[in-house]
């Protein structure tokens, strides 16, 4: 139960326990974040890929900046009351950049910040051609992140992409090193089989996140199995984005081909539902109060 004075950072830490299997959809913007919260999810991730795809219209190849990301985090924080995990890619540079990144995103409203050990510019974790920095360089970044946070309850989530470069055993050793460096939570990206995925929380101590990418390299396993294996959180970073992009393409093609929305209206949220989702009535009441 949440106490009246419990911060979101503390709530997140209380919820994140081995085997919790918390579902964590990803959001690109405040609209998606509202939908995630309304669906009853206990937390969300601000997906770096989703921000790049929707804000810039580009693939997840490291083209976004920390200031652009922080603007999205700030808007999302203002829209929802659940904890926010922010995908901060490589920290946008070296250990000194990581200090600024952590402080910037913490001020914007992040409750957890994820940092990865890819070289810059990074790539989507399920793309080919990835490379990783030496483990010692990532350890230094984790030290910088831990030192930079203002609230000791802010969660530092360390991600390794070494599975694709150095193999699973090396990736698991990196995760152990990152835990020793002060990371609060771990994420080994893109294991290639069910056995690899389920071995991670068994072989590596600590809290673990797994990422279910529809069409990616990791097999999609049900929440119950992942929770039994020990995962604290299960991320569907871009499921909402993929669903909305498919729906938009379908409706826009129909509109182009037929000149109206007859036949696809069932795919459209009603005007009233949209206003309700956005809290229009709350803003109307505020307007009356200040009139």
Protein backbone atom coordinates (compact mmCIF):
# COMPACT_ATOMS: atom_id res chain seq x y z
CA UNK A 1 0.00 0.00 0.00
CA UNK A 2 1.26 3.47 -0.85
CA UNK A 3 1.65 5.78 2.14
CA UNK A 4 0.66 9.41 1.86
CA UNK A 5 4.25 10.64 1.97
CA UNK A 6 5.83 7.87 -0.12
CA UNK A 7 7.76 9.27 -3.07
CA UNK A 8 7.43 7.73 -6.50
CA UNK A 9 11.08 6.68 -6.29
CA UNK A 10 10.40 4.76 -3.08
CA UNK A 11 7.20 3.29 -4.51
CA UNK A 12 9.15 2.01 -7.50
CA UNK A 13 11.81 0.45 -5.28
CA UNK A 14 9.13 -1.22 -3.17
CA UNK A 15 7.43 -2.64 -6.27
CA UNK A 16 10.60 -3.90 -7.92
CA UNK A 17 11.28 -7.28 -6.35
CA UNK A 18 12.50 -10.50 -7.97
CA UNK A 19 9.59 -12.32 -9.51
CA UNK A 20 7.21 -9.37 -9.49
CA UNK A 21 6.93 -9.50 -13.27
CA UNK A 22 5.63 -5.93 -13.47
CA UNK A 23 4.36 -5.11 -16.94
CA UNK A 24 6.07 -1.96 -18.22
CA UNK A 25 4.84 -0.64 -21.58
CA UNK A 26 6.86 2.00 -23.34
CA UNK A 27 5.67 5.49 -24.21
CA UNK A 28 6.90 8.03 -26.72
CA UNK A 29 4.78 10.89 -25.45
CA UNK A 30 2.32 12.05 -22.81
CA UNK A 31 -0.69 10.80 -24.79
CA UNK A 32 0.61 7.23 -24.76
CA UNK A 33 1.59 7.60 -21.10
CA UNK A 34 -1.99 8.54 -20.22
CA UNK A 35 -3.28 5.44 -22.01
CA UNK A 36 -0.76 3.23 -20.19
CA UNK A 37 -1.80 4.58 -16.81
CA UNK A 38 -5.51 4.35 -17.67
CA UNK A 39 -5.05 0.68 -18.59
CA UNK A 40 -3.85 0.04 -15.03
CA UNK A 41 -0.14 -0.50 -15.60
CA UNK A 42 1.96 0.28 -12.50
CA UNK A 43 4.87 1.93 -14.34
CA UNK A 44 6.05 2.89 -17.82
CA UNK A 45 9.24 3.37 -19.79
CA UNK A 46 10.01 6.42 -21.87
CA UNK A 47 11.39 4.50 -24.83
CA UNK A 48 14.34 6.08 -26.60
CA UNK A 49 13.40 4.25 -29.78
CA UNK A 50 9.82 5.49 -29.59
CA UNK A 51 10.92 9.08 -29.05
CA UNK A 52 13.27 8.89 -32.04
CA UNK A 53 10.62 7.24 -34.21
CA UNK A 54 7.75 9.59 -33.37
CA UNK A 55 9.47 12.90 -32.64
CA UNK A 56 12.16 12.81 -35.31
CA UNK A 57 10.75 10.17 -37.65
CA UNK A 58 14.07 8.31 -37.64
CA UNK A 59 15.28 4.85 -36.58
CA UNK A 60 16.78 4.21 -33.15
CA UNK A 61 20.38 5.03 -34.08
CA UNK A 62 21.35 7.65 -31.50
CA UNK A 63 20.05 10.81 -33.21
CA UNK A 64 18.06 12.17 -30.26
CA UNK A 65 19.62 14.55 -27.73
CA UNK A 66 19.34 14.60 -23.96
CA UNK A 67 17.47 17.91 -24.03
CA UNK A 68 14.90 16.53 -26.48
CA UNK A 69 14.46 13.47 -24.28
CA UNK A 70 14.09 15.61 -21.15
CA UNK A 71 11.28 17.63 -22.75
CA UNK A 72 9.37 14.40 -23.35
CA UNK A 73 10.01 13.19 -19.80
CA UNK A 74 8.80 16.49 -18.36
CA UNK A 75 5.55 16.35 -20.37
CA UNK A 76 4.96 12.73 -19.38
CA UNK A 77 5.67 13.42 -15.72
CA UNK A 78 3.04 16.18 -15.80
CA UNK A 79 0.48 13.83 -17.38
CA UNK A 80 0.69 10.71 -15.19
CA UNK A 81 1.19 9.73 -11.58
CA UNK A 82 2.94 6.37 -12.00
CA UNK A 83 6.72 5.82 -11.87
CA UNK A 84 8.67 6.57 -15.04
CA UNK A 85 11.72 4.61 -16.19
CA UNK A 86 13.69 6.63 -18.75
CA UNK A 87 15.80 5.07 -21.49
CA UNK A 88 18.86 7.33 -21.56
CA UNK A 89 20.76 5.34 -24.20
CA UNK A 90 24.53 5.60 -23.58
CA UNK A 91 24.14 8.63 -21.33
CA UNK A 92 24.91 10.82 -24.37
CA UNK A 93 28.66 10.64 -24.00
CA UNK A 94 31.31 9.79 -21.41
CA UNK A 95 31.04 9.68 -17.61
CA UNK A 96 30.89 13.47 -17.39
CA UNK A 97 28.01 13.52 -19.86
CA UNK A 98 26.31 10.84 -17.77
CA UNK A 99 26.41 13.14 -14.73
CA UNK A 100 24.59 15.85 -16.67
CA UNK A 101 22.16 13.35 -18.20
CA UNK A 102 21.17 11.92 -14.82
CA UNK A 103 20.68 15.36 -13.26
CA UNK A 104 18.72 16.61 -16.27
CA UNK A 105 16.39 13.61 -16.39
CA UNK A 106 15.94 13.47 -12.62
CA UNK A 107 14.83 17.13 -12.63
CA UNK A 108 12.45 16.33 -15.48
CA UNK A 109 10.73 13.64 -13.42
CA UNK A 110 12.48 10.31 -14.01
CA UNK A 111 12.19 7.73 -11.24
CA UNK A 112 14.66 5.35 -12.87
CA UNK A 113 17.30 5.97 -15.53
CA UNK A 114 18.60 3.26 -17.84
CA UNK A 115 22.14 3.46 -19.22
CA UNK A 116 23.66 1.07 -21.73
CA UNK A 117 27.18 0.01 -22.64
CA UNK A 118 27.05 0.44 -26.40
CA UNK A 119 29.45 2.72 -28.20
CA UNK A 120 28.11 6.01 -29.52
CA UNK A 121 26.09 6.35 -31.66
CA UNK A 122 24.08 3.48 -30.26
CA UNK A 123 21.70 1.22 -32.19
CA UNK A 124 18.46 -0.47 -31.33
CA UNK A 125 19.26 -3.53 -29.24
CA UNK A 126 17.80 -5.80 -31.91
CA UNK A 127 19.74 -4.28 -34.85
CA UNK A 128 22.87 -5.74 -36.39
CA UNK A 129 26.26 -4.05 -36.16
CA UNK A 130 26.32 -3.17 -32.47
CA UNK A 131 29.52 -2.63 -30.51
CA UNK A 132 30.15 -2.12 -26.81
CA UNK A 133 32.57 -0.06 -24.79
CA UNK A 134 35.05 -1.77 -22.44
CA UNK A 135 33.35 -2.92 -19.25
CA UNK A 136 35.56 -0.59 -17.20
CA UNK A 137 34.23 2.41 -19.13
CA UNK A 138 30.65 1.44 -18.34
CA UNK A 139 31.55 0.88 -14.69
CA UNK A 140 32.84 4.46 -14.59
CA UNK A 141 29.55 5.67 -16.07
CA UNK A 142 27.60 3.83 -13.39
CA UNK A 143 29.76 5.41 -10.70
CA UNK A 144 29.07 8.81 -12.26
CA UNK A 145 25.31 8.13 -12.38
CA UNK A 146 25.19 7.04 -8.74
CA UNK A 147 27.16 10.10 -7.66
CA UNK A 148 25.04 12.49 -9.76
CA UNK A 149 21.56 11.59 -8.51
CA UNK A 150 20.09 13.95 -5.96
CA UNK A 151 17.75 11.37 -4.47
CA UNK A 152 19.43 8.15 -3.42
CA UNK A 153 16.16 6.33 -4.19
CA UNK A 154 16.40 7.17 -7.90
CA UNK A 155 16.93 3.79 -9.59
CA UNK A 156 19.98 3.34 -11.82
CA UNK A 157 19.30 0.60 -14.37
CA UNK A 158 22.37 -0.79 -16.17
CA UNK A 159 21.86 -2.39 -19.57
CA UNK A 160 24.39 -4.45 -21.48
CA UNK A 161 24.24 -5.18 -25.20
CA UNK A 162 27.25 -7.51 -25.01
CA UNK A 163 25.25 -10.66 -25.82
CA UNK A 164 25.40 -9.85 -29.54
CA UNK A 165 29.09 -8.95 -29.44
CA UNK A 166 30.81 -11.09 -26.81
CA UNK A 167 28.29 -13.84 -26.02
CA UNK A 168 25.93 -14.56 -23.14
CA UNK A 169 28.53 -15.47 -20.53
CA UNK A 170 30.43 -12.24 -21.11
CA UNK A 171 27.17 -10.28 -20.96
CA UNK A 172 26.28 -11.89 -17.63
CA UNK A 173 29.72 -11.09 -16.24
CA UNK A 174 29.30 -7.48 -17.30
CA UNK A 175 25.95 -7.40 -15.49
CA UNK A 176 27.63 -8.67 -12.33
CA UNK A 177 30.31 -5.98 -12.66
CA UNK A 178 27.67 -3.30 -13.14
CA UNK A 179 25.81 -4.48 -10.05
CA UNK A 180 29.05 -4.28 -8.05
CA UNK A 181 29.57 -0.75 -9.39
CA UNK A 182 26.31 0.41 -7.83
CA UNK A 183 23.58 -0.29 -10.39
CA UNK A 184 20.22 -0.95 -8.73
CA UNK A 185 18.79 -3.04 -11.56
CA UNK A 186 20.11 -4.98 -14.55
CA UNK A 187 19.06 -5.58 -18.14
CA UNK A 188 20.79 -7.99 -20.52
CA UNK A 189 19.47 -7.10 -23.96
CA UNK A 190 18.55 -9.50 -26.76
CA UNK A 191 19.13 -13.05 -25.49
CA UNK A 192 18.49 -15.38 -28.41
CA UNK A 193 16.51 -18.24 -26.89
CA UNK A 194 14.12 -19.15 -24.11
CA UNK A 195 16.92 -20.94 -22.26
CA UNK A 196 19.21 -17.91 -22.46
CA UNK A 197 16.49 -15.55 -21.28
CA UNK A 198 15.45 -17.66 -18.31
CA UNK A 199 19.08 -18.28 -17.28
CA UNK A 200 19.76 -14.59 -16.67
CA UNK A 201 18.00 -14.07 -13.30
CA UNK A 202 19.14 -17.52 -12.19
CA UNK A 203 22.83 -16.92 -12.94
CA UNK A 204 23.16 -13.22 -12.11
CA UNK A 205 22.19 -11.77 -8.71
CA UNK A 206 20.06 -8.67 -8.43
CA UNK A 207 16.89 -7.21 -9.94
CA UNK A 208 16.32 -7.90 -13.62
CA UNK A 209 14.35 -6.36 -16.47
CA UNK A 210 13.60 -8.21 -19.69
CA UNK A 211 12.50 -6.68 -22.98
CA UNK A 212 9.84 -8.26 -25.19
CA UNK A 213 10.32 -6.84 -28.70
CA UNK A 214 7.61 -7.89 -31.15
CA UNK A 215 9.58 -9.00 -34.21
CA UNK A 216 12.89 -8.85 -32.33
CA UNK A 217 15.51 -11.49 -31.52
CA UNK A 218 14.27 -12.58 -28.10
CA UNK A 219 11.40 -15.07 -27.91
CA UNK A 220 8.16 -13.65 -26.53
CA UNK A 221 7.32 -15.47 -23.30
CA UNK A 222 4.22 -15.00 -21.13
CA UNK A 223 4.35 -12.85 -18.02
CA UNK A 224 3.75 -15.82 -15.70
CA UNK A 225 6.80 -17.70 -16.98
CA UNK A 226 9.04 -14.64 -16.82
CA UNK A 227 7.89 -13.83 -13.30
CA UNK A 228 8.53 -17.41 -12.17
CA UNK A 229 12.04 -17.12 -13.60
CA UNK A 230 12.64 -14.11 -11.32
CA UNK A 231 12.24 -11.05 -13.53
CA UNK A 232 11.13 -7.97 -11.62
CA UNK A 233 9.84 -6.08 -14.68
CA UNK A 234 8.85 -6.98 -18.22
CA UNK A 235 9.15 -4.23 -20.80
CA UNK A 236 7.12 -3.96 -23.98
CA UNK A 237 8.96 -0.82 -25.04
CA UNK A 238 7.29 -0.30 -28.40
CA UNK A 239 4.10 -2.36 -28.42
CA UNK A 240 1.93 0.77 -28.18
CA UNK A 241 3.93 2.48 -30.90
CA UNK A 242 3.67 -0.51 -33.23
CA UNK A 243 -0.07 -0.77 -32.61
CA UNK A 244 -0.70 2.92 -33.22
CA UNK A 245 1.49 3.07 -36.33
CA UNK A 246 -0.36 0.11 -37.86
CA UNK A 247 -3.74 1.63 -37.07
CA UNK A 248 -2.75 5.03 -38.46
CA UNK A 249 -1.46 3.49 -41.68
CA UNK A 250 -4.67 1.50 -42.12
CA UNK A 251 -7.01 4.43 -41.54
CA UNK A 252 -4.98 6.87 -43.63
CA UNK A 253 -4.84 4.42 -46.54
CA UNK A 254 -8.61 3.93 -46.32
CA UNK A 255 -9.14 7.70 -46.26
CA UNK A 256 -6.92 8.09 -49.33
CA UNK A 257 -8.60 5.28 -51.24
CA UNK A 258 -12.24 5.97 -50.31
CA UNK A 259 -12.40 9.65 -49.40
CA UNK A 260 -14.12 9.09 -46.05
CA UNK A 261 -13.93 6.95 -42.92
CA UNK A 262 -16.99 4.82 -43.60
CA UNK A 263 -15.97 1.26 -42.86
CA UNK A 264 -13.11 2.11 -40.49
CA UNK A 265 -14.95 4.11 -37.83
CA UNK A 266 -14.66 1.17 -35.44
CA UNK A 267 -10.88 1.72 -35.52
CA UNK A 268 -11.26 5.32 -34.34
CA UNK A 269 -11.60 6.47 -30.75
CA UNK A 270 -14.71 8.59 -30.39
CA UNK A 271 -14.48 12.32 -29.86
CA UNK A 272 -15.97 11.96 -26.37
CA UNK A 273 -13.55 9.20 -25.41
CA UNK A 274 -10.60 11.25 -26.62
CA UNK A 275 -11.63 14.26 -24.55
CA UNK A 276 -12.22 12.10 -21.49
CA UNK A 277 -8.81 10.47 -21.87
CA UNK A 278 -7.16 13.88 -22.02
CA UNK A 279 -8.93 15.17 -18.92
CA UNK A 280 -10.92 17.82 -20.78
CA UNK A 281 -13.51 18.01 -18.00
CA UNK A 282 -10.81 18.77 -15.44
CA UNK A 283 -9.55 21.66 -17.56
CA UNK A 284 -13.12 22.92 -18.03
CA UNK A 285 -13.58 22.99 -14.27
CA UNK A 286 -10.30 24.86 -13.85
CA UNK A 287 -11.41 27.39 -16.47
CA UNK A 288 -14.64 27.97 -14.53
CA UNK A 289 -12.71 28.35 -11.27
CA UNK A 290 -10.45 31.04 -12.70
CA UNK A 291 -13.06 32.81 -14.81
